């Protein structure tokens, strides 16, 4: 992945819009592409037809996803949407926006809780449960997994290594990411990148929700 490793960072802060411009940064190219987009105020990505879904996760600002026949959905910071397929879909903003786009193919498995064309919050997909960790697979295939997790205070994942790279999206509360022997406090709105086989752990210092985007190529 084209991202810094082993430190807390912010997709929103690291990809600030440039006046009058739309900017894309390819983070990962594979079966499921991952791209950061920065849209300055009053910019537009023209409506085009795609044969696959796009999961959009807004890190900052707000924008409108629009299409034909009057389709229009406004999404703000911390909100997400899965775009429709095989019909024109575009994005425009009057104030500016930074978001992550994750390509999801039609043959990929997407959770029934997610409906294309509807706005939702990743943090709202899973509840907290006393003394437990709650997981939901949002979308996956044999090379990618996007999961949302809710940790009750004091719960966590012991040190382990994944067979691929991963990006964490902290959604709610606070936690500590252990990575290669160092601890990194993380809170809602921040991110973290694990390299392939990097030893890491997660502990909720308060109630903590996060999304984990794992690639396995």
N, C-alpha and C. Protein backbone atom coordinates (compact mmCIF):
# COMPACT_ATOMS: atom_id res chain seq x y z
N UNK A 1 0.83 -1.20 0.00
CA UNK A 1 0.00 0.00 0.00
C UNK A 1 0.87 1.26 0.00
N UNK A 2 0.42 2.26 -0.69
CA UNK A 2 1.11 3.54 -0.75
C UNK A 2 0.69 4.39 0.45
N UNK A 3 1.18 4.01 1.62
CA UNK A 3 0.82 4.70 2.86
C UNK A 3 1.90 4.49 3.90
N UNK A 4 2.07 5.49 4.78
CA UNK A 4 3.07 5.38 5.85
C UNK A 4 2.72 4.23 6.78
N UNK A 5 3.73 3.62 7.36
CA UNK A 5 3.55 2.42 8.17
C UNK A 5 4.02 2.66 9.60
N UNK A 6 3.27 2.08 10.55
CA UNK A 6 3.72 2.07 11.94
C UNK A 6 3.54 3.35 12.70
N UNK A 7 2.65 4.24 12.26
CA UNK A 7 2.37 5.46 13.00
C UNK A 7 0.94 5.90 12.75
N UNK A 8 0.36 6.57 13.72
CA UNK A 8 -0.98 7.10 13.56
C UNK A 8 -0.94 8.26 12.57
N UNK A 9 -1.90 8.28 11.66
CA UNK A 9 -1.99 9.37 10.70
C UNK A 9 -3.46 9.71 10.45
N UNK A 10 -3.71 10.70 9.63
CA UNK A 10 -5.08 11.13 9.32
C UNK A 10 -5.23 11.27 7.82
N UNK A 11 -6.10 10.47 7.24
CA UNK A 11 -6.38 10.60 5.81
C UNK A 11 -6.86 12.01 5.49
N UNK A 12 -7.70 12.57 6.36
CA UNK A 12 -8.23 13.91 6.12
C UNK A 12 -7.13 14.97 6.13
N UNK A 13 -6.25 14.93 7.11
CA UNK A 13 -5.21 15.95 7.23
C UNK A 13 -4.12 15.79 6.17
N UNK A 14 -3.83 14.55 5.80
CA UNK A 14 -2.75 14.29 4.85
C UNK A 14 -3.16 14.52 3.40
N UNK A 15 -4.44 14.72 3.15
CA UNK A 15 -4.94 14.85 1.77
C UNK A 15 -5.85 16.07 1.63
N UNK A 16 -5.37 17.20 2.12
CA UNK A 16 -6.15 18.43 2.07
C UNK A 16 -6.40 18.87 0.61
N UNK A 17 -7.61 19.34 0.30
CA UNK A 17 -7.91 19.79 -1.06
C UNK A 17 -7.05 20.98 -1.47
N UNK A 18 -6.80 21.07 -2.77
CA UNK A 18 -6.12 22.20 -3.37
C UNK A 18 -7.16 23.03 -4.11
N UNK A 19 -7.22 24.34 -3.87
CA UNK A 19 -8.27 25.17 -4.48
C UNK A 19 -8.42 24.93 -5.99
N UNK A 20 -9.66 24.71 -6.39
CA UNK A 20 -9.98 24.54 -7.79
C UNK A 20 -9.68 23.18 -8.37
N UNK A 21 -9.18 22.24 -7.56
CA UNK A 21 -8.71 20.95 -8.09
C UNK A 21 -9.44 19.76 -7.47
N UNK A 22 -9.45 18.67 -8.21
CA UNK A 22 -9.77 17.35 -7.66
C UNK A 22 -8.49 16.52 -7.74
N UNK A 23 -8.17 15.81 -6.66
CA UNK A 23 -6.92 15.06 -6.57
C UNK A 23 -7.23 13.62 -6.17
N UNK A 24 -6.56 12.69 -6.82
CA UNK A 24 -6.68 11.28 -6.44
C UNK A 24 -5.31 10.72 -6.12
N UNK A 25 -5.26 9.84 -5.14
CA UNK A 25 -4.02 9.17 -4.76
C UNK A 25 -4.31 7.68 -4.66
N UNK A 26 -3.71 6.90 -5.54
CA UNK A 26 -3.89 5.45 -5.51
C UNK A 26 -3.13 4.88 -4.32
N UNK A 27 -3.84 4.23 -3.42
CA UNK A 27 -3.24 3.63 -2.23
C UNK A 27 -2.91 2.17 -2.48
N UNK A 28 -3.74 1.52 -3.26
CA UNK A 28 -3.55 0.09 -3.52
C UNK A 28 -4.20 -0.25 -4.86
N UNK A 29 -3.50 -1.01 -5.66
CA UNK A 29 -4.02 -1.46 -6.95
C UNK A 29 -4.03 -2.98 -6.97
N UNK A 30 -5.20 -3.53 -7.16
CA UNK A 30 -5.34 -4.98 -7.17
C UNK A 30 -6.74 -5.34 -7.61
N UNK A 31 -7.25 -6.45 -7.12
CA UNK A 31 -8.63 -6.82 -7.44
C UNK A 31 -9.59 -5.75 -6.96
N UNK A 32 -9.29 -5.17 -5.82
CA UNK A 32 -10.11 -4.09 -5.26
C UNK A 32 -9.22 -2.86 -5.06
N UNK A 33 -9.32 -1.90 -5.97
CA UNK A 33 -8.51 -0.69 -5.87
C UNK A 33 -8.95 0.15 -4.66
N UNK A 34 -7.97 0.83 -4.04
CA UNK A 34 -8.23 1.75 -2.94
C UNK A 34 -7.63 3.10 -3.33
N UNK A 35 -8.44 4.16 -3.28
CA UNK A 35 -8.00 5.48 -3.73
C UNK A 35 -8.48 6.53 -2.74
N UNK A 36 -7.60 7.49 -2.40
CA UNK A 36 -8.01 8.67 -1.66
C UNK A 36 -8.37 9.76 -2.67
N UNK A 37 -9.45 10.48 -2.41
CA UNK A 37 -9.84 11.62 -3.23
C UNK A 37 -9.93 12.88 -2.38
N UNK A 38 -9.44 13.99 -2.94
CA UNK A 38 -9.57 15.31 -2.31
C UNK A 38 -10.26 16.22 -3.31
N UNK A 39 -11.42 16.75 -2.94
CA UNK A 39 -12.19 17.62 -3.82
C UNK A 39 -12.26 19.01 -3.20
N UNK A 40 -11.79 20.01 -3.94
CA UNK A 40 -11.91 21.39 -3.47
C UNK A 40 -13.37 21.85 -3.60
N UNK A 41 -13.71 22.94 -2.94
CA UNK A 41 -15.09 23.43 -3.00
C UNK A 41 -15.45 23.77 -4.45
N UNK A 42 -16.70 23.49 -4.77
CA UNK A 42 -17.26 23.76 -6.09
C UNK A 42 -16.56 22.99 -7.21
N UNK A 43 -16.14 21.75 -6.89
CA UNK A 43 -15.58 20.87 -7.92
C UNK A 43 -16.50 19.67 -8.12
N UNK A 44 -16.25 18.93 -9.20
CA UNK A 44 -17.17 17.89 -9.63
C UNK A 44 -16.39 16.78 -10.31
N UNK A 45 -16.74 15.53 -9.98
CA UNK A 45 -16.28 14.37 -10.75
C UNK A 45 -17.47 13.93 -11.58
N UNK A 46 -17.37 14.08 -12.88
CA UNK A 46 -18.50 13.86 -13.78
C UNK A 46 -19.11 12.47 -13.62
N UNK A 47 -20.40 12.40 -13.83
CA UNK A 47 -21.11 11.12 -13.73
C UNK A 47 -20.68 10.19 -14.85
N UNK A 48 -20.26 8.99 -14.47
CA UNK A 48 -19.85 7.97 -15.42
C UNK A 48 -20.42 6.62 -14.98
N UNK A 49 -20.46 5.70 -15.91
CA UNK A 49 -21.02 4.37 -15.63
C UNK A 49 -19.90 3.41 -15.24
N UNK A 50 -20.08 2.71 -14.13
CA UNK A 50 -19.09 1.74 -13.67
C UNK A 50 -19.75 0.37 -13.50
N UNK A 51 -19.06 -0.71 -13.87
CA UNK A 51 -19.63 -2.06 -13.74
C UNK A 51 -19.40 -2.66 -12.36
N UNK A 52 -18.96 -1.84 -11.41
CA UNK A 52 -18.70 -2.31 -10.05
C UNK A 52 -19.18 -1.25 -9.06
N UNK A 53 -19.31 -1.65 -7.79
CA UNK A 53 -19.69 -0.73 -6.73
C UNK A 53 -18.47 0.06 -6.26
N UNK A 54 -18.74 1.23 -5.69
CA UNK A 54 -17.70 2.00 -5.00
C UNK A 54 -18.18 2.28 -3.59
N UNK A 55 -17.43 1.83 -2.60
CA UNK A 55 -17.71 2.17 -1.21
C UNK A 55 -16.95 3.45 -0.90
N UNK A 56 -17.66 4.52 -0.58
CA UNK A 56 -17.07 5.81 -0.28
C UNK A 56 -17.15 6.07 1.22
N UNK A 57 -16.02 6.38 1.83
CA UNK A 57 -15.94 6.66 3.27
C UNK A 57 -15.42 8.09 3.43
N UNK A 58 -16.27 8.99 3.89
CA UNK A 58 -15.91 10.41 3.95
C UNK A 58 -15.12 10.70 5.22
N UNK A 59 -13.90 11.24 5.03
CA UNK A 59 -13.03 11.57 6.15
C UNK A 59 -13.21 13.01 6.61
N UNK A 60 -13.62 13.89 5.67
CA UNK A 60 -13.77 15.30 6.02
C UNK A 60 -14.67 15.98 4.98
N UNK A 61 -15.35 17.04 5.41
CA UNK A 61 -16.19 17.81 4.51
C UNK A 61 -17.50 17.13 4.21
N UNK A 62 -18.11 17.50 3.08
CA UNK A 62 -19.36 16.89 2.65
C UNK A 62 -19.46 16.97 1.13
N UNK A 63 -20.29 16.12 0.57
CA UNK A 63 -20.40 16.06 -0.88
C UNK A 63 -21.73 15.43 -1.26
N UNK A 64 -22.03 15.49 -2.55
CA UNK A 64 -23.25 14.92 -3.10
C UNK A 64 -22.89 13.85 -4.13
N UNK A 65 -23.47 12.68 -3.97
CA UNK A 65 -23.38 11.64 -4.99
C UNK A 65 -24.65 11.75 -5.82
N UNK A 66 -24.48 11.92 -7.12
CA UNK A 66 -25.64 12.16 -7.96
C UNK A 66 -25.62 11.26 -9.19
N UNK A 67 -26.80 11.14 -9.80
CA UNK A 67 -26.90 10.30 -10.99
C UNK A 67 -28.06 10.74 -11.85
N UNK A 68 -28.54 9.82 -12.66
CA UNK A 68 -29.66 10.13 -13.55
C UNK A 68 -30.97 9.98 -12.80
N UNK A 69 -32.03 10.44 -13.44
CA UNK A 69 -33.40 10.31 -12.89
C UNK A 69 -33.52 10.95 -11.51
N UNK A 70 -32.73 12.01 -11.28
CA UNK A 70 -32.87 12.76 -10.04
C UNK A 70 -32.21 12.13 -8.83
N UNK A 71 -31.42 11.06 -9.01
CA UNK A 71 -30.75 10.44 -7.86
C UNK A 71 -29.79 11.43 -7.22
N UNK A 72 -29.90 11.62 -5.92
CA UNK A 72 -29.02 12.55 -5.19
C UNK A 72 -28.97 12.15 -3.73
N UNK A 73 -27.75 11.92 -3.23
CA UNK A 73 -27.54 11.60 -1.83
C UNK A 73 -26.41 12.47 -1.29
N UNK A 74 -26.67 13.20 -0.21
CA UNK A 74 -25.65 14.03 0.41
C UNK A 74 -25.02 13.26 1.56
N UNK A 75 -23.69 13.23 1.57
CA UNK A 75 -22.99 12.51 2.63
C UNK A 75 -21.95 13.44 3.26
N UNK A 76 -21.81 13.30 4.56
CA UNK A 76 -20.95 14.17 5.34
C UNK A 76 -19.84 13.37 6.01
N UNK A 77 -18.96 14.08 6.71
CA UNK A 77 -17.89 13.46 7.47
C UNK A 77 -18.43 12.33 8.33
N UNK A 78 -17.75 11.20 8.32
CA UNK A 78 -18.06 9.99 9.07
C UNK A 78 -19.19 9.16 8.44
N UNK A 79 -19.72 9.62 7.30
CA UNK A 79 -20.76 8.85 6.62
C UNK A 79 -20.18 8.13 5.40
N UNK A 80 -20.94 7.13 4.93
CA UNK A 80 -20.51 6.32 3.79
C UNK A 80 -21.69 6.04 2.87
N UNK A 81 -21.35 5.60 1.67
CA UNK A 81 -22.37 5.16 0.71
C UNK A 81 -21.73 4.16 -0.24
N UNK A 82 -22.52 3.23 -0.73
CA UNK A 82 -22.10 2.35 -1.82
C UNK A 82 -22.83 2.82 -3.06
N UNK A 83 -22.09 3.20 -4.10
CA UNK A 83 -22.70 3.73 -5.31
C UNK A 83 -23.40 2.62 -6.09
N UNK A 84 -24.29 3.02 -6.97
CA UNK A 84 -25.00 2.10 -7.84
C UNK A 84 -24.11 1.68 -9.01
N UNK A 85 -24.42 0.57 -9.61
CA UNK A 85 -23.67 0.09 -10.77
C UNK A 85 -24.49 0.27 -12.04
N UNK A 86 -23.80 0.34 -13.17
CA UNK A 86 -24.40 0.32 -14.51
C UNK A 86 -25.31 1.51 -14.81
N UNK A 87 -25.22 2.54 -14.01
CA UNK A 87 -25.92 3.82 -14.27
C UNK A 87 -24.93 4.94 -13.98
N UNK A 88 -25.08 6.11 -14.62
CA UNK A 88 -24.14 7.21 -14.36
C UNK A 88 -24.15 7.64 -12.89
N UNK A 89 -22.95 7.73 -12.30
CA UNK A 89 -22.79 8.19 -10.93
C UNK A 89 -21.67 9.24 -10.91
N UNK A 90 -21.94 10.39 -10.29
CA UNK A 90 -20.94 11.43 -10.16
C UNK A 90 -20.87 11.96 -8.74
N UNK A 91 -19.88 12.79 -8.47
CA UNK A 91 -19.70 13.36 -7.14
C UNK A 91 -19.38 14.85 -7.29
N UNK A 92 -20.03 15.68 -6.48
CA UNK A 92 -19.75 17.11 -6.49
C UNK A 92 -19.83 17.65 -5.06
N UNK A 93 -19.17 18.76 -4.85
CA UNK A 93 -19.14 19.35 -3.52
C UNK A 93 -19.11 20.87 -3.62
N UNK A 94 -19.82 21.53 -2.74
CA UNK A 94 -19.81 23.00 -2.69
C UNK A 94 -18.85 23.51 -1.62
N UNK A 95 -18.45 22.64 -0.69
CA UNK A 95 -17.61 23.06 0.42
C UNK A 95 -16.25 22.36 0.47
N UNK A 96 -16.11 21.26 -0.26
CA UNK A 96 -14.88 20.47 -0.23
C UNK A 96 -15.08 19.16 0.51
N UNK A 97 -14.30 18.15 0.14
CA UNK A 97 -14.42 16.83 0.77
C UNK A 97 -13.16 16.01 0.56
N UNK A 98 -12.89 15.13 1.53
CA UNK A 98 -11.82 14.14 1.42
C UNK A 98 -12.45 12.78 1.73
N UNK A 99 -12.23 11.81 0.86
CA UNK A 99 -12.84 10.51 1.09
C UNK A 99 -11.98 9.39 0.54
N UNK A 100 -12.23 8.19 1.04
CA UNK A 100 -11.59 6.97 0.54
C UNK A 100 -12.59 6.23 -0.32
N UNK A 101 -12.13 5.76 -1.48
CA UNK A 101 -12.96 4.97 -2.38
C UNK A 101 -12.41 3.54 -2.44
N UNK A 102 -13.27 2.57 -2.16
CA UNK A 102 -12.90 1.16 -2.20
C UNK A 102 -13.74 0.47 -3.27
N UNK A 103 -13.10 -0.08 -4.24
CA UNK A 103 -13.81 -0.79 -5.32
C UNK A 103 -14.33 -2.13 -4.80
N UNK A 104 -15.60 -2.39 -5.04
CA UNK A 104 -16.21 -3.67 -4.67
C UNK A 104 -16.87 -4.25 -5.91
N UNK A 105 -16.41 -5.41 -6.35
CA UNK A 105 -16.93 -6.04 -7.55
C UNK A 105 -18.30 -6.67 -7.27
N UNK A 106 -19.07 -6.85 -8.32
CA UNK A 106 -20.39 -7.46 -8.16
C UNK A 106 -20.32 -8.86 -7.56
N UNK A 107 -19.22 -9.58 -7.89
CA UNK A 107 -19.10 -10.95 -7.38
C UNK A 107 -18.57 -11.02 -5.96
N UNK A 108 -18.11 -9.89 -5.40
CA UNK A 108 -17.68 -9.86 -4.01
C UNK A 108 -18.89 -10.01 -3.09
N UNK A 109 -18.66 -10.48 -1.89
CA UNK A 109 -19.76 -10.69 -0.93
C UNK A 109 -19.93 -9.43 -0.09
N UNK A 110 -21.10 -8.83 -0.14
CA UNK A 110 -21.39 -7.62 0.61
C UNK A 110 -22.50 -7.91 1.63
N UNK A 111 -22.32 -7.43 2.85
CA UNK A 111 -23.27 -7.70 3.93
C UNK A 111 -24.67 -7.19 3.56
N UNK A 112 -25.70 -7.95 3.93
CA UNK A 112 -27.07 -7.57 3.62
C UNK A 112 -27.49 -6.27 4.32
N UNK A 113 -26.74 -5.88 5.36
CA UNK A 113 -27.06 -4.62 6.05
C UNK A 113 -26.72 -3.41 5.20
N UNK A 114 -25.90 -3.60 4.16
CA UNK A 114 -25.48 -2.51 3.28
C UNK A 114 -26.34 -2.52 2.03
N UNK A 115 -26.99 -1.40 1.75
CA UNK A 115 -27.82 -1.27 0.56
C UNK A 115 -27.22 -0.21 -0.35
N UNK A 116 -26.92 -0.58 -1.59
CA UNK A 116 -26.37 0.37 -2.54
C UNK A 116 -27.31 1.57 -2.69
N UNK A 117 -26.73 2.76 -2.69
CA UNK A 117 -27.51 3.97 -2.86
C UNK A 117 -28.02 4.58 -1.57
N UNK A 118 -27.74 3.94 -0.42
CA UNK A 118 -28.20 4.45 0.87
C UNK A 118 -27.03 4.94 1.71
N UNK A 119 -27.22 6.07 2.38
CA UNK A 119 -26.18 6.64 3.24
C UNK A 119 -26.21 5.95 4.60
N UNK A 120 -25.03 5.66 5.15
CA UNK A 120 -24.95 5.02 6.46
C UNK A 120 -23.64 5.41 7.13
N UNK A 121 -23.55 5.11 8.41
CA UNK A 121 -22.31 5.30 9.16
C UNK A 121 -21.73 3.94 9.52
N UNK A 122 -20.46 3.75 9.22
CA UNK A 122 -19.81 2.49 9.59
C UNK A 122 -19.94 2.21 11.08
N UNK A 123 -19.81 3.27 11.90
CA UNK A 123 -19.86 3.09 13.35
C UNK A 123 -21.21 2.59 13.83
N UNK A 124 -22.26 2.83 13.04
CA UNK A 124 -23.61 2.42 13.45
C UNK A 124 -23.92 0.97 13.07
N UNK A 125 -23.04 0.33 12.32
CA UNK A 125 -23.33 -1.03 11.87
C UNK A 125 -23.22 -2.07 12.97
N UNK A 126 -22.38 -1.79 13.98
CA UNK A 126 -22.19 -2.76 15.06
C UNK A 126 -22.43 -2.10 16.41
N UNK A 127 -23.06 -2.82 17.34
CA UNK A 127 -23.30 -2.28 18.68
C UNK A 127 -22.15 -2.64 19.62
N UNK A 128 -22.06 -1.92 20.72
CA UNK A 128 -21.18 -2.34 21.80
C UNK A 128 -21.89 -3.43 22.60
N UNK A 129 -21.12 -4.36 23.13
CA UNK A 129 -21.66 -5.42 23.98
C UNK A 129 -20.74 -5.57 25.19
N UNK A 130 -21.32 -5.65 26.37
CA UNK A 130 -20.54 -5.67 27.60
C UNK A 130 -19.54 -6.82 27.61
N UNK A 131 -18.25 -6.47 27.76
CA UNK A 131 -17.19 -7.45 27.87
C UNK A 131 -16.88 -8.20 26.59
N UNK A 132 -17.39 -7.71 25.44
CA UNK A 132 -17.26 -8.46 24.19
C UNK A 132 -16.71 -7.59 23.06
N UNK A 133 -16.30 -8.27 22.01
CA UNK A 133 -15.91 -7.64 20.74
C UNK A 133 -16.92 -8.10 19.70
N UNK A 134 -17.54 -7.14 19.02
CA UNK A 134 -18.55 -7.44 18.00
C UNK A 134 -17.96 -7.13 16.62
N UNK A 135 -18.04 -8.10 15.70
CA UNK A 135 -17.49 -7.95 14.35
C UNK A 135 -18.59 -8.03 13.30
N UNK A 136 -18.44 -7.30 12.21
CA UNK A 136 -19.29 -7.45 11.04
C UNK A 136 -18.45 -7.34 9.78
N UNK A 137 -18.51 -8.35 8.92
CA UNK A 137 -17.90 -8.27 7.60
C UNK A 137 -18.78 -7.37 6.72
N UNK A 138 -18.23 -6.26 6.25
CA UNK A 138 -18.97 -5.36 5.36
C UNK A 138 -18.90 -5.89 3.93
N UNK A 139 -17.70 -6.25 3.50
CA UNK A 139 -17.51 -6.82 2.17
C UNK A 139 -16.24 -7.66 2.18
N UNK A 140 -16.22 -8.72 1.37
CA UNK A 140 -15.00 -9.52 1.32
C UNK A 140 -14.96 -10.41 0.08
N UNK A 141 -13.75 -10.83 -0.24
CA UNK A 141 -13.50 -11.88 -1.21
C UNK A 141 -12.22 -12.58 -0.75
N UNK A 142 -11.62 -13.40 -1.59
CA UNK A 142 -10.44 -14.13 -1.12
C UNK A 142 -9.18 -13.27 -1.09
N UNK A 143 -9.25 -12.02 -1.56
CA UNK A 143 -8.09 -11.13 -1.56
C UNK A 143 -8.30 -9.85 -0.76
N UNK A 144 -9.49 -9.62 -0.26
CA UNK A 144 -9.81 -8.39 0.46
C UNK A 144 -10.87 -8.66 1.53
N UNK A 145 -10.74 -7.92 2.65
CA UNK A 145 -11.76 -8.01 3.69
C UNK A 145 -11.91 -6.64 4.32
N UNK A 146 -13.16 -6.18 4.43
CA UNK A 146 -13.45 -4.91 5.08
C UNK A 146 -14.42 -5.22 6.22
N UNK A 147 -13.96 -5.03 7.44
CA UNK A 147 -14.73 -5.43 8.62
C UNK A 147 -14.84 -4.28 9.59
N UNK A 148 -15.97 -4.18 10.29
CA UNK A 148 -16.17 -3.20 11.34
C UNK A 148 -16.21 -3.92 12.68
N UNK A 149 -15.54 -3.35 13.69
CA UNK A 149 -15.43 -3.99 14.99
C UNK A 149 -15.77 -3.01 16.11
N UNK A 150 -16.48 -3.50 17.13
CA UNK A 150 -16.80 -2.71 18.32
C UNK A 150 -16.20 -3.42 19.54
N UNK A 151 -15.32 -2.71 20.26
CA UNK A 151 -14.65 -3.25 21.43
C UNK A 151 -15.22 -2.60 22.69
N UNK A 152 -15.67 -3.39 23.63
CA UNK A 152 -16.02 -2.83 24.92
C UNK A 152 -14.72 -2.40 25.63
N UNK A 153 -14.84 -1.45 26.53
CA UNK A 153 -13.66 -0.94 27.24
C UNK A 153 -12.90 -2.09 27.90
N UNK A 154 -11.60 -2.13 27.68
CA UNK A 154 -10.75 -3.15 28.28
C UNK A 154 -10.57 -4.41 27.45
N UNK A 155 -11.36 -4.56 26.39
CA UNK A 155 -11.20 -5.73 25.52
C UNK A 155 -10.18 -5.42 24.42
N UNK A 156 -9.76 -6.45 23.71
CA UNK A 156 -8.80 -6.22 22.64
C UNK A 156 -8.38 -7.49 21.94
N UNK A 157 -7.47 -7.33 21.00
CA UNK A 157 -6.91 -8.43 20.24
C UNK A 157 -5.45 -8.60 20.63
N UNK A 158 -5.06 -9.80 20.99
CA UNK A 158 -3.67 -10.06 21.37
C UNK A 158 -2.76 -9.95 20.15
N UNK A 159 -1.46 -9.85 20.41
CA UNK A 159 -0.51 -9.62 19.33
C UNK A 159 -0.56 -10.76 18.31
N UNK A 160 -0.60 -10.37 17.04
CA UNK A 160 -0.64 -11.32 15.94
C UNK A 160 -0.16 -10.63 14.67
N UNK A 161 -0.01 -11.37 13.61
CA UNK A 161 0.40 -10.82 12.31
C UNK A 161 -0.59 -11.28 11.26
N UNK A 162 -0.89 -10.38 10.33
CA UNK A 162 -1.81 -10.70 9.24
C UNK A 162 -1.02 -11.08 7.98
N UNK A 163 -1.62 -11.89 7.11
CA UNK A 163 -0.92 -12.30 5.88
C UNK A 163 -0.95 -11.25 4.78
N UNK A 164 -1.42 -10.04 5.11
CA UNK A 164 -1.46 -8.96 4.13
C UNK A 164 -1.37 -7.62 4.82
N UNK A 165 -1.49 -6.54 4.04
CA UNK A 165 -1.47 -5.19 4.59
C UNK A 165 -2.86 -4.77 5.03
N UNK A 166 -2.92 -3.79 5.95
CA UNK A 166 -4.22 -3.36 6.44
C UNK A 166 -4.19 -1.89 6.84
N UNK A 167 -5.33 -1.23 6.66
CA UNK A 167 -5.54 0.14 7.15
C UNK A 167 -6.66 0.12 8.16
N UNK A 168 -6.43 0.76 9.31
CA UNK A 168 -7.45 0.93 10.33
C UNK A 168 -8.09 2.30 10.18
N UNK A 169 -9.41 2.35 10.28
CA UNK A 169 -10.17 3.59 10.36
C UNK A 169 -10.79 3.64 11.75
N UNK A 170 -10.27 4.48 12.64
CA UNK A 170 -10.86 4.60 13.99
C UNK A 170 -12.17 5.37 13.86
N UNK A 171 -13.26 4.79 14.35
CA UNK A 171 -14.60 5.34 14.13
C UNK A 171 -15.22 5.97 15.36
N UNK A 172 -14.89 5.47 16.54
CA UNK A 172 -15.52 5.97 17.76
C UNK A 172 -14.65 5.61 18.96
N UNK A 173 -14.60 6.49 19.95
CA UNK A 173 -13.88 6.18 21.17
C UNK A 173 -12.38 6.25 21.02
N UNK A 174 -11.69 5.50 21.89
CA UNK A 174 -10.23 5.53 21.92
C UNK A 174 -9.67 4.13 22.15
N UNK A 175 -8.50 3.89 21.57
CA UNK A 175 -7.83 2.62 21.76
C UNK A 175 -6.32 2.79 21.67
N UNK A 176 -5.63 1.68 21.77
CA UNK A 176 -4.17 1.67 21.62
C UNK A 176 -3.81 0.58 20.62
N UNK A 177 -3.06 0.97 19.60
CA UNK A 177 -2.55 0.01 18.63
C UNK A 177 -1.12 -0.35 19.03
N UNK A 178 -0.87 -1.62 19.29
CA UNK A 178 0.49 -2.08 19.48
C UNK A 178 1.06 -2.49 18.15
N UNK A 179 2.25 -2.00 17.82
CA UNK A 179 2.84 -2.36 16.53
C UNK A 179 4.35 -2.50 16.66
N UNK A 180 4.84 -3.70 16.40
CA UNK A 180 6.27 -3.99 16.45
C UNK A 180 6.92 -3.49 17.75
N UNK A 181 6.23 -3.74 18.87
CA UNK A 181 6.80 -3.42 20.18
C UNK A 181 6.52 -2.03 20.70
N UNK A 182 5.83 -1.18 19.94
CA UNK A 182 5.51 0.16 20.39
C UNK A 182 4.00 0.36 20.46
N UNK A 183 3.56 1.20 21.41
CA UNK A 183 2.14 1.47 21.55
C UNK A 183 1.79 2.83 20.95
N UNK A 184 0.64 2.88 20.26
CA UNK A 184 0.21 4.09 19.57
C UNK A 184 -1.24 4.38 19.93
N UNK A 185 -1.50 5.36 20.80
CA UNK A 185 -2.89 5.75 21.08
C UNK A 185 -3.57 6.23 19.80
N UNK A 186 -4.84 5.86 19.65
CA UNK A 186 -5.59 6.24 18.45
C UNK A 186 -7.01 6.60 18.85
N UNK A 187 -7.58 7.57 18.18
CA UNK A 187 -8.95 7.99 18.49
C UNK A 187 -9.73 8.19 17.20
N UNK A 188 -11.04 8.38 17.34
CA UNK A 188 -11.92 8.51 16.19
C UNK A 188 -11.41 9.57 15.22
N UNK A 189 -11.43 9.23 13.93
CA UNK A 189 -10.96 10.13 12.90
C UNK A 189 -9.52 9.89 12.48
N UNK A 190 -8.81 9.01 13.19
CA UNK A 190 -7.41 8.73 12.87
C UNK A 190 -7.28 7.36 12.20
N UNK A 191 -6.09 7.13 11.65
CA UNK A 191 -5.85 5.91 10.88
C UNK A 191 -4.50 5.29 11.24
N UNK A 192 -4.34 4.03 10.83
CA UNK A 192 -3.08 3.32 11.06
C UNK A 192 -2.91 2.28 9.97
N UNK A 193 -1.67 2.09 9.53
CA UNK A 193 -1.37 1.12 8.47
C UNK A 193 -0.43 0.04 8.99
N UNK A 194 -0.82 -1.23 8.81
CA UNK A 194 0.04 -2.36 9.13
C UNK A 194 0.70 -2.87 7.85
N UNK A 195 1.99 -3.11 7.90
CA UNK A 195 2.65 -3.80 6.79
C UNK A 195 2.32 -5.29 6.87
N UNK A 196 2.51 -6.00 5.78
CA UNK A 196 2.30 -7.44 5.77
C UNK A 196 3.20 -8.10 6.81
N UNK A 197 2.62 -8.95 7.62
CA UNK A 197 3.32 -9.71 8.67
C UNK A 197 3.79 -8.84 9.83
N UNK A 198 3.37 -7.58 9.89
CA UNK A 198 3.73 -6.73 11.02
C UNK A 198 3.00 -7.18 12.29
N UNK A 199 3.73 -7.40 13.37
CA UNK A 199 3.12 -7.82 14.62
C UNK A 199 2.33 -6.66 15.22
N UNK A 200 1.05 -6.90 15.52
CA UNK A 200 0.21 -5.82 16.04
C UNK A 200 -0.85 -6.35 17.00
N UNK A 201 -1.36 -5.44 17.80
CA UNK A 201 -2.43 -5.76 18.75
C UNK A 201 -3.35 -4.55 18.84
N UNK A 202 -4.53 -4.76 19.41
CA UNK A 202 -5.50 -3.67 19.61
C UNK A 202 -6.08 -3.80 21.01
N UNK A 203 -6.14 -2.67 21.73
CA UNK A 203 -6.79 -2.65 23.03
C UNK A 203 -7.65 -1.41 23.16
N UNK A 204 -8.86 -1.59 23.66
CA UNK A 204 -9.79 -0.47 23.85
C UNK A 204 -9.56 0.15 25.22
N UNK A 205 -9.00 1.37 25.26
CA UNK A 205 -8.83 2.07 26.54
C UNK A 205 -10.15 2.67 27.01
N UNK A 206 -11.02 2.96 26.05
CA UNK A 206 -12.42 3.28 26.28
C UNK A 206 -13.20 2.43 25.29
N UNK A 207 -14.51 2.55 25.26
CA UNK A 207 -15.24 1.87 24.20
C UNK A 207 -14.66 2.35 22.87
N UNK A 208 -14.49 1.41 21.93
CA UNK A 208 -13.75 1.73 20.72
C UNK A 208 -14.32 0.98 19.53
N UNK A 209 -14.56 1.71 18.45
CA UNK A 209 -15.00 1.09 17.20
C UNK A 209 -14.00 1.43 16.10
N UNK A 210 -13.78 0.47 15.22
CA UNK A 210 -12.87 0.71 14.11
C UNK A 210 -13.30 -0.13 12.91
N UNK A 211 -12.89 0.32 11.73
CA UNK A 211 -13.01 -0.49 10.52
C UNK A 211 -11.62 -0.93 10.13
N UNK A 212 -11.51 -2.15 9.60
CA UNK A 212 -10.24 -2.72 9.18
C UNK A 212 -10.36 -3.14 7.72
N UNK A 213 -9.50 -2.55 6.89
CA UNK A 213 -9.46 -2.89 5.46
C UNK A 213 -8.20 -3.69 5.21
N UNK A 214 -8.38 -4.99 4.92
CA UNK A 214 -7.25 -5.92 4.77
C UNK A 214 -7.15 -6.38 3.32
N UNK A 215 -5.92 -6.29 2.77
CA UNK A 215 -5.68 -6.82 1.44
C UNK A 215 -4.74 -8.01 1.53
N UNK A 216 -4.96 -9.00 0.68
CA UNK A 216 -4.24 -10.26 0.81
C UNK A 216 -3.44 -10.65 -0.43
N UNK A 217 -3.22 -9.71 -1.33
CA UNK A 217 -2.43 -10.03 -2.53
C UNK A 217 -0.96 -9.80 -2.26
